[in-house]
PDB file of all heavy atoms in Angstrom:
ATOM      1  N   TYR A   1      84.351  84.068  98.036  1.00  0.00           N
ATOM      2  CA  TYR A   1      83.987  84.563  96.724  1.00  0.00           C
ATOM      3  C   TYR A   1      83.309  85.918  96.882  1.00  0.00           C
ATOM      4  O   TYR A   1      82.283  86.053  97.568  1.00  0.00           O
ATOM      5  CB  TYR A   1      83.041  83.587  96.023  1.00  0.00           C
ATOM      6  CG  TYR A   1      83.711  82.221  95.853  1.00  0.00           C
ATOM      7  CD1 TYR A   1      83.550  81.205  96.788  1.00  0.00           C
ATOM      8  CD2 TYR A   1      84.516  81.980  94.760  1.00  0.00           C
ATOM      9  CE1 TYR A   1      84.142  80.003  96.635  1.00  0.00           C
ATOM     10  CE2 TYR A   1      85.157  80.753  94.599  1.00  0.00           C
ATOM     11  CZ  TYR A   1      84.986  79.758  95.569  1.00  0.00           C
ATOM     12  OH  TYR A   1      85.572  78.571  95.409  1.00  0.00           O
ATOM     13  N   GLY A   2      83.855  86.915  96.207  1.00  0.00           N
ATOM     14  CA  GLY A   2      83.287  88.247  96.222  1.00  0.00           C
ATOM     15  C   GLY A   2      83.983  89.147  97.261  1.00  0.00           C
ATOM     16  O   GLY A   2      84.368  88.718  98.350  1.00  0.00           O
ATOM     17  N   ALA A   3      84.191  90.404  96.869  1.00  0.00           N
ATOM     18  CA  ALA A   3      84.878  91.361  97.737  1.00  0.00           C
ATOM     19  C   ALA A   3      84.203  91.536  99.074  1.00  0.00           C
ATOM     20  O   ALA A   3      84.884  91.652 100.092  1.00  0.00           O
ATOM     21  CB  ALA A   3      85.003  92.710  96.991  1.00  0.00           C
ATOM     22  N   GLU A   4      82.870  91.513  99.125  1.00  0.00           N
ATOM     23  CA  GLU A   4      82.170  91.700 100.383  1.00  0.00           C
ATOM     24  C   GLU A   4      82.423  90.504 101.322  1.00  0.00           C
ATOM     25  O   GLU A   4      82.690  90.703 102.508  1.00  0.00           O
ATOM     26  CB  GLU A   4      80.695  91.833 100.112  1.00  0.00           C
ATOM     27  CG  GLU A   4      79.879  92.197 101.355  1.00  0.00           C
ATOM     28  CD  GLU A   4      78.427  92.459 101.018  1.00  0.00           C
ATOM     29  OE1 GLU A   4      78.149  93.081  99.991  1.00  0.00           O
ATOM     30  OE2 GLU A   4      77.582  92.016 101.823  1.00  0.00           O
ATOM     31  N   GLU A   5      82.377  89.293 100.830  1.00  0.00           N
ATOM     32  CA  GLU A   5      82.645  88.138 101.654  1.00  0.00           C
ATOM     33  C   GLU A   5      84.071  88.143 102.187  1.00  0.00           C
ATOM     34  O   GLU A   5      84.342  87.782 103.353  1.00  0.00           O
ATOM     35  CB  GLU A   5      82.398  86.846 100.862  1.00  0.00           C
ATOM     36  CG  GLU A   5      82.406  85.590 101.675  1.00  0.00           C
ATOM     37  CD  GLU A   5      81.946  84.377 100.880  1.00  0.00           C
ATOM     38  OE1 GLU A   5      80.841  84.437 100.302  1.00  0.00           O
ATOM     39  OE2 GLU A   5      82.713  83.401 100.867  1.00  0.00           O
ATOM     40  N   ILE A   6      85.020  88.569 101.353  1.00  0.00           N
ATOM     41  CA  ILE A   6      86.414  88.603 101.762  1.00  0.00           C
ATOM     42  C   ILE A   6      86.586  89.681 102.871  1.00  0.00           C
ATOM     43  O   ILE A   6      87.254  89.430 103.872  1.00  0.00           O
ATOM     44  CB  ILE A   6      87.333  88.877 100.541  1.00  0.00           C
ATOM     45  CG1 ILE A   6      87.268  87.701  99.590  1.00  0.00           C
ATOM     46  CG2 ILE A   6      88.745  89.153 101.002  1.00  0.00           C
ATOM     47  CD1 ILE A   6      87.860  87.977  98.199  1.00  0.00           C
ATOM     48  N   ALA A   7      85.978  90.841 102.676  1.00  0.00           N
ATOM     49  CA  ALA A   7      86.068  91.907 103.678  1.00  0.00           C
ATOM     50  C   ALA A   7      85.492  91.457 104.985  1.00  0.00           C
ATOM     51  O   ALA A   7      86.028  91.732 106.069  1.00  0.00           O
ATOM     52  CB  ALA A   7      85.388  93.164 103.180  1.00  0.00           C
ATOM     53  N   GLU A   8      84.352  90.736 104.984  1.00  0.00           N
ATOM     54  CA  GLU A   8      83.706  90.246 106.196  1.00  0.00           C
ATOM     55  C   GLU A   8      84.634  89.260 106.882  1.00  0.00           C
ATOM     56  O   GLU A   8      84.771  89.284 108.115  1.00  0.00           O
ATOM     57  CB  GLU A   8      82.384  89.569 105.882  1.00  0.00           C
ATOM     58  CG  GLU A   8      81.307  90.549 105.522  1.00  0.00           C
ATOM     59  CD  GLU A   8      80.032  89.858 105.053  1.00  0.00           C
ATOM     60  OE1 GLU A   8      79.889  88.609 105.261  1.00  0.00           O
ATOM     61  OE2 GLU A   8      79.162  90.530 104.464  1.00  0.00           O
ATOM     62  N   TRP A   9      85.298  88.409 106.121  1.00  0.00           N
ATOM     63  CA  TRP A   9      86.227  87.443 106.706  1.00  0.00           C
ATOM     64  C   TRP A   9      87.394  88.133 107.419  1.00  0.00           C
ATOM     65  O   TRP A   9      87.772  87.745 108.490  1.00  0.00           O
ATOM     66  CB  TRP A   9      86.747  86.489 105.611  1.00  0.00           C
ATOM     67  CG  TRP A   9      87.795  85.539 106.156  1.00  0.00           C
ATOM     68  CD1 TRP A   9      87.571  84.357 106.793  1.00  0.00           C
ATOM     69  CD2 TRP A   9      89.205  85.746 106.151  1.00  0.00           C
ATOM     70  NE1 TRP A   9      88.790  83.790 107.175  1.00  0.00           N
ATOM     71  CE2 TRP A   9      89.782  84.673 106.806  1.00  0.00           C
ATOM     72  CE3 TRP A   9      90.041  86.749 105.678  1.00  0.00           C
ATOM     73  CZ2 TRP A   9      91.174  84.522 106.939  1.00  0.00           C
ATOM     74  CZ3 TRP A   9      91.363  86.650 105.846  1.00  0.00           C
ATOM     75  CH2 TRP A   9      91.958  85.545 106.484  1.00  0.00           C
ATOM     76  N   ARG A  10      87.939  89.184 106.766  1.00  0.00           N
ATOM     77  CA  ARG A  10      89.071  89.906 107.370  1.00  0.00           C
ATOM     78  C   ARG A  10      88.700  90.442 108.739  1.00  0.00           C
ATOM     79  O   ARG A  10      89.530  90.463 109.642  1.00  0.00           O
ATOM     80  CB  ARG A  10      89.477  91.082 106.507  1.00  0.00           C
ATOM     81  CG  ARG A  10      90.269  90.692 105.289  1.00  0.00           C
ATOM     82  CD  ARG A  10      90.858  91.947 104.633  1.00  0.00           C
ATOM     83  NE  ARG A  10      91.351  91.579 103.349  1.00  0.00           N
ATOM     84  CZ  ARG A  10      90.790  91.924 102.176  1.00  0.00           C
ATOM     85  NH1 ARG A  10      89.744  92.702 102.153  1.00  0.00           N
ATOM     86  NH2 ARG A  10      91.334  91.543 101.038  1.00  0.00           N
ATOM     87  N   ARG A  11      87.482  90.862 108.941  1.00  0.00           N
ATOM     88  CA  ARG A  11      87.082  91.456 110.192  1.00  0.00           C
ATOM     89  C   ARG A  11      86.811  90.410 111.283  1.00  0.00           C
ATOM     90  O   ARG A  11      86.774  90.747 112.464  1.00  0.00           O
ATOM     91  CB  ARG A  11      85.844  92.325 109.991  1.00  0.00           C
ATOM     92  CG  ARG A  11      86.261  93.682 109.380  1.00  0.00           C
ATOM     93  CD  ARG A  11      85.217  94.323 108.535  1.00  0.00           C
ATOM     94  NE  ARG A  11      85.695  95.584 108.000  1.00  0.00           N
ATOM     95  CZ  ARG A  11      86.554  95.695 106.967  1.00  0.00           C
ATOM     96  NH1 ARG A  11      87.018  94.643 106.360  1.00  0.00           N
ATOM     97  NH2 ARG A  11      86.919  96.878 106.525  1.00  0.00           N
ATOM     98  N   SER A  12      86.673  89.162 110.908  1.00  0.00           N
ATOM     99  CA  SER A  12      86.437  88.109 111.903  1.00  0.00           C
ATOM    100  C   SER A  12      87.569  87.109 112.027  1.00  0.00           C
ATOM    101  O   SER A  12      87.533  86.212 112.851  1.00  0.00           O
ATOM    102  CB  SER A  12      85.152  87.342 111.581  1.00  0.00           C
ATOM    103  OG  SER A  12      85.290  86.637 110.352  1.00  0.00           O
ATOM    104  N   ALA A  13      88.606  87.265 111.205  1.00  0.00           N
ATOM    105  CA  ALA A  13      89.733  86.348 111.165  1.00  0.00           C
ATOM    106  C   ALA A  13      90.535  86.437 112.488  1.00  0.00           C
ATOM    107  O   ALA A  13      90.708  87.518 113.041  1.00  0.00           O
ATOM    108  CB  ALA A  13      90.648  86.618 109.969  1.00  0.00           C
ATOM    109  N   PRO A  14      91.071  85.302 112.920  1.00  0.00           N
ATOM    110  CA  PRO A  14      91.930  85.315 114.116  1.00  0.00           C
ATOM    111  C   PRO A  14      93.232  86.061 113.819  1.00  0.00           C
ATOM    112  O   PRO A  14      93.608  86.205 112.640  1.00  0.00           O
ATOM    113  CB  PRO A  14      92.162  83.850 114.408  1.00  0.00           C
ATOM    114  CG  PRO A  14      91.912  83.150 113.131  1.00  0.00           C
ATOM    115  CD  PRO A  14      90.933  83.948 112.378  1.00  0.00           C
ATOM    116  N   PRO A  15      93.950  86.485 114.854  1.00  0.00           N
ATOM    117  CA  PRO A  15      95.245  87.159 114.613  1.00  0.00           C
ATOM    118  C   PRO A  15      96.221  86.214 113.930  1.00  0.00           C
ATOM    119  O   PRO A  15      96.112  84.990 114.012  1.00  0.00           O
ATOM    120  CB  PRO A  15      95.722  87.457 116.026  1.00  0.00           C
ATOM    121  CG  PRO A  15      94.551  87.326 116.922  1.00  0.00           C
ATOM    122  CD  PRO A  15      93.610  86.405 116.240  1.00  0.00           C
ATOM    123  N   LEU A  16      97.155  86.815 113.216  1.00  0.00           N
ATOM    124  CA  LEU A  16      98.181  86.025 112.511  1.00  0.00           C
ATOM    125  C   LEU A  16      99.072  85.341 113.532  1.00  0.00           C
ATOM    126  O   LEU A  16      99.419  85.895 114.528  1.00  0.00           O
ATOM    127  CB  LEU A  16      99.029  86.913 111.612  1.00  0.00           C
ATOM    128  CG  LEU A  16      98.285  87.617 110.501  1.00  0.00           C
ATOM    129  CD1 LEU A  16      99.249  88.538 109.739  1.00  0.00           C
ATOM    130  CD2 LEU A  16      97.671  86.607 109.540  1.00  0.00           C
ATOM    131  N   PRO A  17      99.458  84.100 113.219  1.00  0.00           N
ATOM    132  CA  PRO A  17     100.363  83.395 114.142  1.00  0.00           C
ATOM    133  C   PRO A  17     101.754  83.962 114.125  1.00  0.00           C
ATOM    134  O   PRO A  17     102.189  84.506 113.081  1.00  0.00           O
ATOM    135  CB  PRO A  17     100.354  81.944 113.648  1.00  0.00           C
ATOM    136  CG  PRO A  17     100.013  82.043 112.198  1.00  0.00           C
ATOM    137  CD  PRO A  17      99.110  83.268 112.075  1.00  0.00           C
ATOM    138  N   PRO A  18     102.492  83.894 115.230  1.00  0.00           N
ATOM    139  CA  PRO A  18     103.900  84.395 115.213  1.00  0.00           C
ATOM    140  C   PRO A  18     104.726  83.576 114.223  1.00  0.00           C
ATOM    141  O   PRO A  18     104.482  82.375 114.036  1.00  0.00           O
ATOM    142  CB  PRO A  18     104.362  84.207 116.636  1.00  0.00           C
ATOM    143  CG  PRO A  18     103.296  83.566 117.391  1.00  0.00           C
ATOM    144  CD  PRO A  18     102.088  83.365 116.498  1.00  0.00           C
ATOM    145  N   GLY A  19     105.660  84.188 113.586  1.00  0.00           N
ATOM    146  CA  GLY A  19     106.569  83.511 112.683  1.00  0.00           C
ATOM    147  C   GLY A  19     106.022  83.345 111.270  1.00  0.00           C
ATOM    148  O   GLY A  19     106.608  82.628 110.476  1.00  0.00           O
ATOM    149  N   ARG A  20     104.908  83.969 110.954  1.00  0.00           N
ATOM    150  CA  ARG A  20     104.364  83.771 109.604  1.00  0.00           C
ATOM    151  C   ARG A  20     105.111  84.713 108.638  1.00  0.00           C
ATOM    152  O   ARG A  20     105.359  85.870 108.909  1.00  0.00           O
ATOM    153  CB  ARG A  20     102.874  84.133 109.571  1.00  0.00           C
ATOM    154  CG  ARG A  20     102.289  83.861 108.223  1.00  0.00           C
ATOM    155  CD  ARG A  20     100.807  84.105 108.295  1.00  0.00           C
ATOM    156  NE  ARG A  20     100.498  85.210 107.398  1.00  0.00           N
ATOM    157  CZ  ARG A  20      99.287  85.454 106.895  1.00  0.00           C
ATOM    158  NH1 ARG A  20      98.292  84.735 107.264  1.00  0.00           N
ATOM    159  NH2 ARG A  20      99.122  86.438 106.086  1.00  0.00           N
ATOM    160  N   ASN A  21     105.469  84.134 107.512  1.00  0.00           N
ATOM    161  CA  ASN A  21     106.154  84.857 106.450  1.00  0.00           C
ATOM    162  C   ASN A  21     105.428  84.716 105.136  1.00  0.00           C
ATOM    163  O   ASN A  21     104.679  83.786 104.967  1.00  0.00           O
ATOM    164  CB  ASN A  21     107.624  84.340 106.272  1.00  0.00           C
ATOM    165  CG  ASN A  21     108.412  84.479 107.525  1.00  0.00           C
ATOM    166  OD1 ASN A  21     108.556  85.593 108.065  1.00  0.00           O
ATOM    167  ND2 ASN A  21     108.926  83.414 108.026  1.00  0.00           N
ATOM    168  N   THR A  22     105.643  85.656 104.228  1.00  0.00           N
ATOM    169  CA  THR A  22     105.008  85.540 102.908  1.00  0.00           C
ATOM    170  C   THR A  22     106.069  85.394 101.855  1.00  0.00           C
ATOM    171  O   THR A  22     107.233  85.790 102.011  1.00  0.00           O
ATOM    172  CB  THR A  22     104.193  86.830 102.586  1.00  0.00           C
ATOM    173  OG1 THR A  22     105.066  87.938 102.601  1.00  0.00           O
ATOM    174  CG2 THR A  22     103.050  86.970 103.586  1.00  0.00           C
ATOM    175  N   GLY A  23     105.631  84.817 100.720  1.00  0.00           N
ATOM    176  CA  GLY A  23     106.499  84.710  99.564  1.00  0.00           C
ATOM    177  C   GLY A  23     106.638  83.271  99.119  1.00  0.00           C
ATOM    178  O   GLY A  23     106.425  82.357  99.890  1.00  0.00           O
ATOM    179  N   PRO A  24     106.875  83.066  97.876  1.00  0.00           N
ATOM    180  CA  PRO A  24     107.010  84.098  96.874  1.00  0.00           C
ATOM    181  C   PRO A  24     105.667  84.655  96.447  1.00  0.00           C
ATOM    182  O   PRO A  24     104.638  84.036  96.652  1.00  0.00           O
ATOM    183  CB  PRO A  24     107.654  83.360  95.699  1.00  0.00           C
ATOM    184  CG  PRO A  24     107.201  81.943  95.862  1.00  0.00           C
ATOM    185  CD  PRO A  24     107.082  81.727  97.338  1.00  0.00           C
ATOM    186  N   THR A  25     105.658  85.844  95.852  1.00  0.00           N
ATOM    187  CA  THR A  25     104.481  86.440  95.234  1.00  0.00           C
ATOM    188  C   THR A  25     104.680  86.356  93.713  1.00  0.00           C
ATOM    189  O   THR A  25     105.743  86.721  93.202  1.00  0.00           O
ATOM    190  CB  THR A  25     104.314  87.894  95.670  1.00  0.00           C
ATOM    191  OG1 THR A  25     104.079  87.924  97.077  1.00  0.00           O
ATOM    192  CG2 THR A  25     103.171  88.571  94.951  1.00  0.00           C
ATOM    193  N   VAL A  26     103.681  85.871  93.012  1.00  0.00           N
ATOM    194  CA  VAL A  26     103.697  85.759  91.568  1.00  0.00           C
ATOM    195  C   VAL A  26     102.606  86.640  90.983  1.00  0.00           C
ATOM    196  O   VAL A  26     101.434  86.513  91.357  1.00  0.00           O
ATOM    197  CB  VAL A  26     103.480  84.283  91.106  1.00  0.00           C
ATOM    198  CG1 VAL A  26     103.479  84.200  89.588  1.00  0.00           C
ATOM    199  CG2 VAL A  26     104.577  83.391  91.711  1.00  0.00           C
ATOM    200  N   ILE A  27     102.993  87.545  90.058  1.00  0.00           N
ATOM    201  CA  ILE A  27     102.024  88.401  89.381  1.00  0.00           C
ATOM    202  C   ILE A  27     102.079  88.054  87.889  1.00  0.00           C
ATOM    203  O   ILE A  27     103.120  88.097  87.279  1.00  0.00           O
ATOM    204  CB  ILE A  27     102.379  89.883  89.565  1.00  0.00           C
ATOM    205  CG1 ILE A  27     102.411  90.217  91.065  1.00  0.00           C
ATOM    206  CG2 ILE A  27     101.395  90.767  88.825  1.00  0.00           C
ATOM    207  CD1 ILE A  27     102.948  91.603  91.375  1.00  0.00           C
ATOM    208  N   SER A  28     100.904  87.666  87.383  1.00  0.00           N
ATOM    209  CA  SER A  28     100.805  87.323  85.971  1.00  0.00           C
ATOM    210  C   SER A  28      99.854  88.323  85.330  1.00  0.00           C
ATOM    211  O   SER A  28      98.721  88.469  85.777  1.00  0.00           O
ATOM    212  CB  SER A  28     100.245  85.917  85.783  1.00  0.00           C
ATOM    213  OG  SER A  28     101.081  84.962  86.411  1.00  0.00           O
ATOM    214  N   SER A  29     100.330  88.997  84.307  1.00  0.00           N
ATOM    215  CA  SER A  29      99.468  90.004  83.614  1.00  0.00           C
ATOM    216  C   SER A  29      98.983  89.411  82.297  1.00  0.00           C
ATOM    217  O   SER A  29      99.651  88.612  81.669  1.00  0.00           O
ATOM    218  CB  SER A  29     100.197  91.324  83.392  1.00  0.00           C
ATOM    219  OG  SER A  29     101.301  91.082  82.541  1.00  0.00           O
ATOM    220  N   PHE A  30      97.786  89.791  81.977  1.00  0.00           N
ATOM    221  CA  PHE A  30      97.126  89.321  80.724  1.00  0.00           C
ATOM    222  C   PHE A  30      96.688  90.571  79.991  1.00  0.00           C
ATOM    223  O   PHE A  30      95.578  91.073  80.183  1.00  0.00           O
ATOM    224  CB  PHE A  30      95.940  88.424  81.041  1.00  0.00           C
ATOM    225  CG  PHE A  30      96.334  87.269  81.958  1.00  0.00           C
ATOM    226  CD1 PHE A  30      96.186  87.355  83.348  1.00  0.00           C
ATOM    227  CD2 PHE A  30      96.884  86.132  81.418  1.00  0.00           C
ATOM    228  CE1 PHE A  30      96.552  86.329  84.205  1.00  0.00           C
ATOM    229  CE2 PHE A  30      97.269  85.065  82.307  1.00  0.00           C
ATOM    230  CZ  PHE A  30      97.131  85.182  83.663  1.00  0.00           C
ATOM    231  N   GLY A  31      97.584  91.100  79.145  1.00  0.00           N
ATOM    232  CA  GLY A  31      97.321  92.375  78.516  1.00  0.00           C
ATOM    233  C   GLY A  31      97.557  93.505  79.495  1.00  0.00           C
ATOM    234  O   GLY A  31      98.259  93.376  80.504  1.00  0.00           O
ATOM    235  N   ARG A  32      96.974  94.661  79.202  1.00  0.00           N
ATOM    236  CA  ARG A  32      97.199  95.887  80.001  1.00  0.00           C
ATOM    237  C   ARG A  32      96.188  96.040  81.124  1.00  0.00           C
ATOM    238  O   ARG A  32      96.390  96.865  82.024  1.00  0.00           O
ATOM    239  CB  ARG A  32      97.152  97.120  79.078  1.00  0.00           C
ATOM    240  CG  ARG A  32      98.240  97.141  78.046  1.00  0.00           C
ATOM    241  CD  ARG A  32      98.040  98.270  77.146  1.00  0.00           C
ATOM    242  NE  ARG A  32      97.990  99.527  77.945  1.00  0.00           N
ATOM    243  CZ  ARG A  32      98.606 100.621  77.621  1.00  0.00           C
ATOM    244  NH1 ARG A  32      99.324 100.710  76.505  1.00  0.00           N
ATOM    245  NH2 ARG A  32      98.502 101.698  78.351  1.00  0.00           N
ATOM    246  N   ASP A  33      95.114  95.271  81.101  1.00  0.00           N
ATOM    247  CA  ASP A  33      94.022  95.553  82.035  1.00  0.00           C
ATOM    248  C   ASP A  33      93.720  94.436  83.006  1.00  0.00           C
ATOM    249  O   ASP A  33      92.888  94.606  83.927  1.00  0.00           O
ATOM    250  CB  ASP A  33      92.730  95.878  81.267  1.00  0.00           C
ATOM    251  CG  ASP A  33      92.884  97.079  80.376  1.00  0.00           C
ATOM    252  OD1 ASP A  33      93.532  98.046  80.828  1.00  0.00           O
ATOM    253  OD2 ASP A  33      92.379  97.051  79.244  1.00  0.00           O
ATOM    254  N   VAL A  34      94.338  93.291  82.916  1.00  0.00           N
ATOM    255  CA  VAL A  34      94.010  92.133  83.748  1.00  0.00           C
ATOM    256  C   VAL A  34      95.266  91.523  84.318  1.00  0.00           C
ATOM    257  O   VAL A  34      96.227  91.353  83.572  1.00  0.00           O
ATOM    258  CB  VAL A  34      93.186  91.115  82.956  1.00  0.00           C
ATOM    259  CG1 VAL A  34      92.863  89.882  83.844  1.00  0.00           C
ATOM    260  CG2 VAL A  34      91.923  91.676  82.385  1.00  0.00           C
ATOM    261  N   ALA A  35      95.205  91.156  85.598  1.00  0.00           N
ATOM    262  CA  ALA A  35      96.344  90.469  86.202  1.00  0.00           C
ATOM    263  C   ALA A  35      95.845  89.562  87.314  1.00  0.00           C
ATOM    264  O   ALA A  35      94.739  89.740  87.828  1.00  0.00           O
ATOM    265  CB  ALA A  35      97.323  91.472  86.791  1.00  0.00           C
ATOM    266  N   SER A  36      96.643  88.580  87.672  1.00  0.00           N
ATOM    267  CA  SER A  36      96.378  87.680  88.755  1.00  0.00           C
ATOM    268  C   SER A  36      97.589  87.728  89.716  1.00  0.00           C
ATOM    269  O   SER A  36      98.709  87.722  89.251  1.00  0.00           O
ATOM    270  CB  SER A  36      96.181  86.246  88.241  1.00  0.00           C
ATOM    271  OG  SER A  36      96.067  85.333  89.281  1.00  0.00           O
ATOM    272  N   VAL A  37      97.315  87.767  91.010  1.00  0.00           N
ATOM    273  CA  VAL A  37      98.380  87.828  92.000  1.00  0.00           C
ATOM    274  C   VAL A  37      98.191  86.708  92.994  1.00  0.00           C
ATOM    275  O   VAL A  37      97.092  86.499  93.513  1.00  0.00           O
ATOM    276  CB  VAL A  37      98.371  89.189  92.751  1.00  0.00           C
ATOM    277  CG1 VAL A  37      99.470  89.218  93.786  1.00  0.00           C
ATOM    278  CG2 VAL A  37      98.451  90.338  91.777  1.00  0.00           C
ATOM    279  N   SER A  38      99.250  85.958  93.240  1.00  0.00           N
ATOM    280  CA  SER A  38      99.225  84.860  94.220  1.00  0.00           C
ATOM    281  C   SER A  38     100.419  85.021  95.163  1.00  0.00           C
ATOM    282  O   SER A  38     101.520  85.297  94.714  1.00  0.00           O
ATOM    283  CB  SER A  38      99.314  83.501  93.541  1.00  0.00           C
ATOM    284  OG  SER A  38      98.209  83.315  92.654  1.00  0.00           O
ATOM    285  N   THR A  39     100.166  84.824  96.476  1.00  0.00           N
ATOM    286  CA  THR A  39     101.214  84.863  97.458  1.00  0.00           C
ATOM    287  C   THR A  39     101.131  83.661  98.391  1.00  0.00           C
ATOM    288  O   THR A  39     100.032  83.341  98.840  1.00  0.00           O
ATOM    289  CB  THR A  39     101.160  86.151  98.334  1.00  0.00           C
ATOM    290  OG1 THR A  39     101.278  87.270  97.462  1.00  0.00           O
ATOM    291  CG2 THR A  39     102.238  86.200  99.332  1.00  0.00           C
ATOM    292  N   GLU A  40     102.246  82.991  98.647  1.00  0.00           N
ATOM    293  CA  GLU A  40     102.264  81.893  99.592  1.00  0.00           C
ATOM    294  C   GLU A  40     102.480  82.475 100.989  1.00  0.00           C
ATOM    295  O   GLU A  40     103.202  83.455 101.162  1.00  0.00           O
ATOM    296  CB  GLU A  40     103.399  80.950  99.267  1.00  0.00           C
ATOM    297  CG  GLU A  40     103.191  80.072  98.090  1.00  0.00           C
ATOM    298  CD  GLU A  40     104.337  79.099  97.910  1.00  0.00           C
ATOM    299  OE1 GLU A  40     104.934  78.642  98.921  1.00  0.00           O
ATOM    300  OE2 GLU A  40     104.663  78.812  96.756  1.00  0.00           O
ATOM    301  N   PHE A  41     101.892  81.809 101.961  1.00  0.00           N
ATOM    302  CA  PHE A  41     102.109  82.146 103.369  1.00  0.00           C
ATOM    303  C   PHE A  41     102.740  80.926 104.039  1.00  0.00           C
ATOM    304  O   PHE A  41     102.296  79.803 103.849  1.00  0.00           O
ATOM    305  CB  PHE A  41     100.804  82.500 104.079  1.00  0.00           C
ATOM    306  CG  PHE A  41     100.183  83.753 103.523  1.00  0.00           C
ATOM    307  CD1 PHE A  41      99.311  83.705 102.439  1.00  0.00           C
ATOM    308  CD2 PHE A  41     100.498  84.960 104.065  1.00  0.00           C
ATOM    309  CE1 PHE A  41      98.748  84.877 101.947  1.00  0.00           C
ATOM    310  CE2 PHE A  41      99.952  86.126 103.577  1.00  0.00           C
ATOM    311  CZ  PHE A  41      99.069  86.106 102.499  1.00  0.00           C
ATOM    312  N   ARG A  42     103.772  81.176 104.795  1.00  0.00           N
ATOM    313  CA  ARG A  42     104.512  80.096 105.489  1.00  0.00           C
ATOM    314  C   ARG A  42     104.654  80.459 106.934  1.00  0.00           C
ATOM    315  O   ARG A  42     104.740  81.641 107.294  1.00  0.00           O
ATOM    316  CB  ARG A  42     105.875  79.937 104.875  1.00  0.00           C
ATOM    317  CG  ARG A  42     105.865  79.576 103.412  1.00  0.00           C
ATOM    318  CD  ARG A  42     107.238  79.409 102.889  1.00  0.00           C
ATOM    319  NE  ARG A  42     107.184  79.078 101.484  1.00  0.00           N
ATOM    320  CZ  ARG A  42     108.050  79.522 100.580  1.00  0.00           C
ATOM    321  NH1 ARG A  42     109.016  80.310 100.972  1.00  0.00           N
ATOM    322  NH2 ARG A  42     107.909  79.194  99.338  1.00  0.00           N
ATOM    323  N   THR A  43     104.698  79.448 107.784  1.00  0.00           N
ATOM    324  CA  THR A  43     104.897  79.689 109.210  1.00  0.00           C
ATOM    325  C   THR A  43     106.091  78.839 109.661  1.00  0.00           C
ATOM    326  O   THR A  43     106.307  77.748 109.179  1.00  0.00           O
ATOM    327  CB  THR A  43     103.669  79.395 110.047  1.00  0.00           C
ATOM    328  OG1 THR A  43     103.941  79.700 111.398  1.00  0.00           O
ATOM    329  CG2 THR A  43     103.207  77.987 109.907  1.00  0.00           C
ATOM    330  N   THR A  44     106.842  79.381 110.590  1.00  0.00           N
ATOM    331  CA  THR A  44     108.000  78.624 111.155  1.00  0.00           C
ATOM    332  C   THR A  44     107.601  77.912 112.423  1.00  0.00           C
ATOM    333  O   THR A  44     108.424  77.184 112.979  1.00  0.00           O
ATOM    334  CB  THR A  44     109.154  79.586 111.477  1.00  0.00           C
ATOM    335  OG1 THR A  44     108.700  80.601 112.376  1.00  0.00           O
ATOM    336  CG2 THR A  44     109.663  80.255 110.201  1.00  0.00           C
TER     337      THR A  44
END
């Protein structure tokens, strides 16, 4: 929760596993100023 906590996690996260793929990505907009983006991560 919060941009700072997310940025801290990125710097300490382990490397991505081989074979990881993304998708689908879903973008839902709510008017002109607000949107939500979700992406699934899959590994083979």
